[in-house]
Protein backbone atom coordinates (compact mmCIF):
# COMPACT_ATOMS: atom_id res chain seq x y z
CA UNK A 1 25.67 -9.26 0.18
CA UNK A 2 27.15 -5.90 1.02
CA UNK A 3 24.67 -3.12 1.71
CA UNK A 4 21.39 -2.49 0.01
CA UNK A 5 20.98 -3.55 -3.62
CA UNK A 6 20.84 -0.95 -6.34
CA UNK A 7 17.38 0.61 -6.43
CA UNK A 8 15.08 0.25 -9.39
CA UNK A 9 12.59 2.77 -10.63
CA UNK A 10 9.72 2.01 -12.92
CA UNK A 11 7.70 -1.12 -13.33
CA UNK A 12 8.72 -4.74 -13.87
CA UNK A 13 6.99 -7.82 -15.23
CA UNK A 14 7.53 -10.01 -12.16
CA UNK A 15 6.83 -9.40 -8.50
CA UNK A 16 9.50 -9.91 -5.89
CA UNK A 17 7.47 -12.87 -4.61
CA UNK A 18 7.75 -14.55 -8.03
CA UNK A 19 11.49 -13.84 -8.14
CA UNK A 20 12.05 -15.37 -4.70
CA UNK A 21 9.93 -18.41 -5.59
CA UNK A 22 11.95 -18.93 -8.78
CA UNK A 23 15.22 -18.62 -6.86
CA UNK A 24 14.05 -21.22 -4.33
CA UNK A 25 12.90 -23.52 -7.14
CA UNK A 26 16.34 -23.25 -8.70
CA UNK A 27 18.10 -24.01 -5.39
CA UNK A 28 15.97 -25.30 -2.47
CA UNK A 29 19.02 -25.17 -0.17
CA UNK A 30 19.88 -21.52 -0.90
CA UNK A 31 20.57 -19.20 2.00
CA UNK A 32 18.47 -16.07 2.40
CA UNK A 33 21.58 -14.04 1.62
CA UNK A 34 22.03 -15.87 -1.70
CA UNK A 35 18.37 -15.50 -2.64
CA UNK A 36 18.56 -11.79 -1.82
CA UNK A 37 21.65 -11.32 -3.98
CA UNK A 38 20.09 -13.17 -6.91
CA UNK A 39 16.83 -11.23 -6.67
CA UNK A 40 18.57 -7.92 -5.92
CA UNK A 41 16.63 -7.52 -2.68
CA UNK A 42 17.65 -7.05 0.92
CA UNK A 43 17.88 -10.04 3.25
CA UNK A 44 15.02 -8.59 5.28
CA UNK A 45 12.76 -8.29 2.21
CA UNK A 46 13.44 -11.93 1.29
CA UNK A 47 12.68 -13.05 4.85
CA UNK A 48 9.33 -11.27 4.73
CA UNK A 49 8.49 -12.73 1.31
CA UNK A 50 9.33 -16.24 2.52
CA UNK A 51 7.03 -15.73 5.51
CA UNK A 52 4.24 -14.58 3.14
CA UNK A 53 4.73 -17.61 0.87
CA UNK A 54 4.77 -20.00 3.84
CA UNK A 55 1.66 -18.48 5.44
CA UNK A 56 -0.31 -18.99 2.23
CA UNK A 57 0.94 -22.54 1.68
CA UNK A 58 3.11 -21.94 -1.37
CA UNK A 59 6.35 -22.75 0.44
CA UNK A 60 7.49 -24.72 3.48
CA UNK A 61 10.89 -25.35 4.99
CA UNK A 62 12.71 -27.85 7.13
CA UNK A 63 15.72 -27.00 9.21
CA UNK A 64 18.86 -28.94 8.28
CA UNK A 65 21.81 -28.11 10.48
CA UNK A 66 22.39 -24.38 10.22
CA UNK A 67 20.41 -24.03 7.00
CA UNK A 68 16.95 -24.59 5.56
CA UNK A 69 15.63 -26.74 2.78
CA UNK A 70 12.61 -25.22 1.08
CA UNK A 71 9.77 -27.12 -0.56
CA UNK A 72 7.38 -25.51 -3.02
CA UNK A 73 3.81 -26.77 -3.44
CA UNK A 74 3.60 -26.81 -7.25
CA UNK A 75 -0.14 -27.53 -7.27
CA UNK A 76 -1.14 -24.25 -5.63
CA UNK A 77 -2.98 -21.89 -7.95
CA UNK A 78 -1.75 -18.33 -8.33
CA UNK A 79 -3.47 -15.70 -6.20
CA UNK A 80 -4.64 -13.10 -8.70
CA UNK A 81 -8.21 -13.76 -9.88
CA UNK A 82 -7.14 -13.61 -13.55
CA UNK A 83 -4.69 -16.52 -13.09
CA UNK A 84 -6.66 -18.37 -10.41
CA UNK A 85 -9.76 -18.30 -12.61
CA UNK A 86 -8.03 -20.33 -15.30
CA UNK A 87 -6.27 -22.60 -12.81
CA UNK A 88 -2.74 -21.38 -13.46
CA UNK A 89 -0.50 -23.15 -10.94
CA UNK A 90 2.84 -22.43 -9.36
CA UNK A 91 4.28 -25.27 -11.46
CA UNK A 92 3.15 -23.49 -14.65
CA UNK A 93 4.73 -20.24 -13.55
CA UNK A 94 7.98 -21.87 -12.51
CA UNK A 95 8.26 -23.82 -15.74
CA UNK A 96 8.48 -20.46 -17.50
CA UNK A 97 10.90 -18.87 -15.03
CA UNK A 98 13.38 -21.54 -14.02
CA UNK A 99 15.92 -22.50 -16.65
CA UNK A 100 18.46 -25.30 -16.57
CA UNK A 101 22.21 -24.79 -16.92
CA UNK A 102 22.23 -25.39 -20.69
CA UNK A 103 19.73 -22.61 -21.23
CA UNK A 104 21.64 -20.21 -18.98
CA UNK A 105 24.83 -20.82 -20.90
CA UNK A 106 23.08 -19.96 -24.17
CA UNK A 107 23.40 -23.44 -25.66
CA UNK A 108 20.75 -24.57 -28.14
CA UNK A 109 17.92 -26.80 -26.97
CA UNK A 110 17.17 -30.23 -28.46
CA UNK A 111 15.60 -28.62 -31.55
CA UNK A 112 18.71 -26.51 -32.16
CA UNK A 113 16.94 -23.29 -31.19
CA UNK A 114 18.60 -20.87 -28.81
CA UNK A 115 16.61 -20.19 -25.68
CA UNK A 116 16.35 -16.69 -24.32
């Protein structure tokens, strides 16, 4: 990724931590650089987020050659008291965020409905 991503002003629905987690779920072998480009963050920001997620047990990694393979603990509950109180897990969040290739290409699902 060349330089710093385009800045964003205003609020968003998802935190950068959720974006990074979704990117890792989509590709557990992704490089930090690729995650940063997908999430429109700097490499350094992604590194810090990965450290946060690992320290709290949401993510772990194993070194494979020159790269990492990440593993998400899908059973972990989300941190905010509103979600934790109802037992909302990482798996629940990711099921809403991570889409397969058919959905990304705008093809209809098995019911014929288009997914957004």
